[in-house]
Amino acid sequence: MKKIIDFTTKEEIKFTKEDLPILVHGKEHSGASLLSITVASLFQKGGQKLCIFTAYPMAKEEFLKQIDNPETIFYLEYEKDFEQALKFQTIIIQSGNIDLFIKAISNVSVMKDRIIFIKNVETINVPIFKLVLLYPFIISGNLELNPFQLDFKNFIYSTKILFNPFDEGKIPPLQKYQAFMRNKLGEKIIIVN
């Protein structure tokens, strides 16, 4: 399992539900994908229930590599299997199937105890913000690319992890795969290890 490390102190960063909602913003090939998947896998390892939407199968594969117990995962491809999926700690929606994802998270009464993790939010061309707000969530992607997701861009997050500058101005100079994190505890440069 990968860890997220404070670049300066070399200490592991622990995430809790108090850190949610989390934004991970980064351009393609910046390291944002690996870091956001690692954050989700750390929540899963900590016993949290998740519902994951990814645009591409590679994210699912990386998540499965990082967890210790794949038997707790259900890969939901068909709406008819939703009731069965609820028995599992983590539901991964078929990659790219936004309609199935929306149907799943529309069942708030049975999904309310799950953290929603959306990977590649820039690929979603339907408004989902109000629905996602009903849950604790992690959003990952390049929010500069998608006008449908302006609500996510303008939202106030408990934790922001930035690989590239984002709306609030400058971030410190970063090496490849480093990110700037800002949360209630302050600011730091972090990496995946």
Protein backbone atom coordinates (compact mmCIF):
# COMPACT_ATOMS: atom_id res chain seq x y z
CA MET A 1 0.00 0.00 0.00
CA LYS A 2 1.23 3.45 -0.87
CA LYS A 3 1.40 6.29 1.64
CA ILE A 4 1.21 10.06 1.45
CA ILE A 5 4.24 11.71 3.01
CA ASP A 6 5.02 15.25 4.16
CA PHE A 7 7.99 16.10 1.92
CA THR A 8 9.73 18.17 4.61
CA THR A 9 9.26 16.05 7.74
CA LYS A 10 8.99 12.66 5.97
CA GLU A 11 6.01 11.87 8.25
CA GLU A 12 3.01 10.00 6.91
CA ILE A 13 -0.11 12.10 6.37
CA LYS A 14 -3.24 10.56 7.90
CA PHE A 15 -6.65 11.45 6.47
CA THR A 16 -9.90 11.33 8.43
CA LYS A 17 -13.50 12.18 7.62
CA GLU A 18 -12.82 15.63 9.12
CA ASP A 19 -10.53 16.28 6.12
CA LEU A 20 -13.49 15.89 3.74
CA PRO A 21 -14.43 17.26 1.31
CA ILE A 22 -11.10 16.94 -0.48
CA LEU A 23 -10.13 18.44 -3.82
CA VAL A 24 -7.15 17.02 -5.71
CA HIS A 25 -6.46 19.31 -8.67
CA GLY A 26 -3.87 18.51 -11.28
CA LYS A 27 -3.21 18.40 -14.95
CA GLU A 28 -2.62 15.16 -16.80
CA HIS A 29 0.65 13.42 -15.85
CA SER A 30 1.12 15.60 -12.76
CA GLY A 31 0.71 12.81 -10.20
CA ALA A 32 -2.81 13.87 -9.16
CA SER A 33 -4.29 10.54 -10.25
CA LEU A 34 -1.97 8.40 -8.15
CA LEU A 35 -2.32 10.67 -5.14
CA SER A 36 -6.12 10.81 -5.24
CA ILE A 37 -6.37 7.04 -5.66
CA THR A 38 -4.00 6.66 -2.71
CA VAL A 39 -6.18 8.93 -0.56
CA ALA A 40 -9.25 6.83 -1.45
CA SER A 41 -7.38 3.59 -0.70
CA LEU A 42 -6.33 4.96 2.70
CA PHE A 43 -9.96 5.67 3.56
CA GLN A 44 -10.86 2.15 2.43
CA LYS A 45 -8.06 0.69 4.54
CA GLY A 46 -9.40 2.69 7.49
CA GLY A 47 -12.75 0.92 7.17
CA GLN A 48 -14.73 3.65 5.42
CA LYS A 49 -17.34 2.72 2.84
CA LEU A 50 -16.75 4.18 -0.62
CA CYS A 51 -18.52 4.65 -3.93
CA ILE A 52 -16.01 5.29 -6.71
CA PHE A 53 -16.55 6.74 -10.17
CA THR A 54 -13.61 6.77 -12.59
CA ALA A 55 -13.59 7.82 -16.21
CA TYR A 56 -11.00 5.21 -17.16
CA PRO A 57 -10.29 1.61 -16.03
CA MET A 58 -6.66 2.35 -15.12
CA ALA A 59 -7.81 4.15 -11.95
CA LYS A 60 -9.79 1.10 -10.85
CA GLU A 61 -6.78 -1.11 -11.48
CA GLU A 62 -4.48 1.16 -9.44
CA PHE A 63 -7.00 1.25 -6.57
CA LEU A 64 -7.17 -2.56 -6.55
CA LYS A 65 -3.35 -2.74 -6.46
CA GLN A 66 -3.25 -0.53 -3.39
CA ILE A 67 -5.76 -2.31 -1.18
CA ASP A 68 -5.23 -5.40 0.94
CA ASN A 69 -8.70 -6.91 0.67
CA PRO A 70 -10.16 -7.02 -2.86
CA GLU A 71 -13.01 -9.21 -1.60
CA THR A 72 -14.55 -6.05 -0.08
CA ILE A 73 -14.95 -4.48 -3.54
CA PHE A 74 -17.93 -4.77 -5.89
CA TYR A 75 -17.55 -3.66 -9.51
CA LEU A 76 -21.02 -2.40 -10.48
CA GLU A 77 -21.75 -2.72 -14.19
CA TYR A 78 -25.54 -3.10 -14.17
CA GLU A 79 -28.25 -1.33 -12.24
CA LYS A 80 -29.90 -4.70 -11.48
CA ASP A 81 -26.89 -5.58 -9.26
CA PHE A 82 -27.16 -2.47 -7.06
CA GLU A 83 -28.70 -4.27 -4.06
CA GLN A 84 -25.91 -6.84 -4.11
CA ALA A 85 -23.29 -4.09 -4.38
CA LEU A 86 -24.55 -2.46 -1.17
CA LYS A 87 -23.27 -5.47 0.80
CA PHE A 88 -19.67 -4.52 -0.01
CA GLN A 89 -17.44 -1.92 1.62
CA THR A 90 -16.53 -0.32 -1.69
CA ILE A 91 -18.58 -0.02 -4.84
CA ILE A 92 -16.67 0.83 -8.01
CA ILE A 93 -19.01 1.99 -10.76
CA GLN A 94 -18.23 0.78 -14.28
CA SER A 95 -15.61 3.18 -15.62
CA GLY A 96 -17.12 6.01 -17.62
CA ASN A 97 -20.76 5.03 -16.90
CA ILE A 98 -21.97 8.37 -15.52
CA ASP A 99 -25.64 7.36 -15.81
CA LEU A 100 -25.10 4.35 -13.54
CA PHE A 101 -23.12 6.50 -11.11
CA ILE A 102 -25.92 9.08 -10.92
CA LYS A 103 -28.50 6.34 -10.35
CA ALA A 104 -26.37 4.84 -7.58
CA ILE A 105 -25.77 8.07 -5.66
CA SER A 106 -29.40 9.12 -6.13
CA ASN A 107 -30.23 6.38 -3.60
CA VAL A 108 -29.19 8.62 -0.72
CA SER A 109 -31.05 6.64 1.95
CA VAL A 110 -28.95 3.52 1.35
CA MET A 111 -25.74 5.24 0.23
CA LYS A 112 -25.52 8.01 2.86
CA ASP A 113 -22.74 6.33 4.85
CA ARG A 114 -20.36 6.23 1.85
CA ILE A 115 -17.61 8.59 0.78
CA ILE A 116 -18.02 9.50 -2.88
CA PHE A 117 -14.76 9.52 -4.85
CA ILE A 118 -14.91 11.01 -8.34
CA LYS A 119 -11.78 10.57 -10.42
CA ASN A 120 -11.42 12.58 -13.67
CA VAL A 121 -14.20 15.05 -12.83
CA GLU A 122 -13.23 17.02 -15.94
CA THR A 123 -14.75 14.27 -18.12
CA ILE A 124 -18.26 14.60 -16.66
CA ASN A 125 -20.51 16.68 -18.88
CA VAL A 126 -23.65 16.66 -16.75
CA PRO A 127 -24.26 18.69 -13.59
CA ILE A 128 -23.77 16.44 -10.54
CA PHE A 129 -22.68 18.94 -7.88
CA LYS A 130 -25.94 19.15 -5.90
CA LEU A 131 -26.19 15.37 -5.73
CA VAL A 132 -22.57 14.90 -4.64
CA LEU A 133 -23.00 17.55 -1.90
CA LEU A 134 -25.26 15.11 -0.05
CA TYR A 135 -22.17 13.03 0.78
CA PRO A 136 -18.67 13.40 2.12
CA PHE A 137 -16.55 13.42 -1.04
CA ILE A 138 -13.21 13.45 -2.80
CA ILE A 139 -13.00 15.13 -6.21
CA SER A 140 -10.01 14.63 -8.45
CA GLY A 141 -9.08 15.96 -11.85
CA ASN A 142 -8.41 19.16 -13.73
CA LEU A 143 -11.27 21.50 -12.89
CA GLU A 144 -9.94 24.10 -15.30
CA LEU A 145 -11.12 21.98 -18.25
CA ASN A 146 -14.85 21.56 -17.69
CA PRO A 147 -17.44 24.37 -17.57
CA PHE A 148 -20.06 21.86 -16.31
CA GLN A 149 -18.17 21.56 -13.05
CA LEU A 150 -17.84 25.23 -12.04
CA ASP A 151 -19.69 24.51 -8.79
CA PHE A 152 -16.90 22.12 -7.78
CA LYS A 153 -14.34 24.72 -8.78
CA ASN A 154 -15.93 27.42 -6.62
CA PHE A 155 -16.67 25.20 -3.60
CA ILE A 156 -14.84 25.66 -0.28
CA TYR A 157 -13.00 22.44 0.59
CA SER A 158 -11.69 21.28 3.96
CA THR A 159 -8.59 19.99 2.17
CA LYS A 160 -7.11 21.17 -1.12
CA ILE A 161 -4.28 19.28 -2.77
CA LEU A 162 -2.87 21.14 -5.75
CA PHE A 163 -0.38 19.95 -8.32
CA ASN A 164 -0.90 23.10 -10.38
CA PRO A 165 -2.04 26.62 -9.41
CA PHE A 166 -5.78 26.84 -8.95
CA ASP A 167 -7.92 29.96 -8.58
CA GLU A 168 -6.50 31.08 -5.27
CA GLY A 169 -3.25 32.22 -6.74
CA LYS A 170 0.24 30.95 -6.37
CA ILE A 171 1.57 27.75 -4.91
CA PRO A 172 5.21 27.13 -4.00
CA PRO A 173 7.51 25.74 -6.69
CA LEU A 174 6.99 21.98 -6.90
CA GLN A 175 9.04 19.17 -8.35
CA LYS A 176 7.34 16.57 -10.52
CA TYR A 177 4.84 14.49 -8.49
CA GLN A 178 4.88 16.88 -5.53
CA ALA A 179 1.67 18.58 -4.44
CA PHE A 180 0.81 21.53 -2.25
CA MET A 181 -1.73 20.66 0.46
CA ARG A 182 -3.76 23.15 2.47
CA ASN A 183 -6.08 22.07 5.28
CA LYS A 184 -7.06 23.08 8.83
CA LEU A 185 -3.59 22.14 10.08
CA GLY A 186 -1.77 24.41 7.66
CA GLU A 187 0.16 24.06 4.44
CA LYS A 188 2.73 21.49 3.32
CA ILE A 189 4.27 19.85 0.30
CA ILE A 190 3.36 16.19 0.00
CA ILE A 191 4.28 13.19 -2.16
CA VAL A 192 3.11 9.62 -2.66
CA ASN A 193 5.57 7.02 -1.41
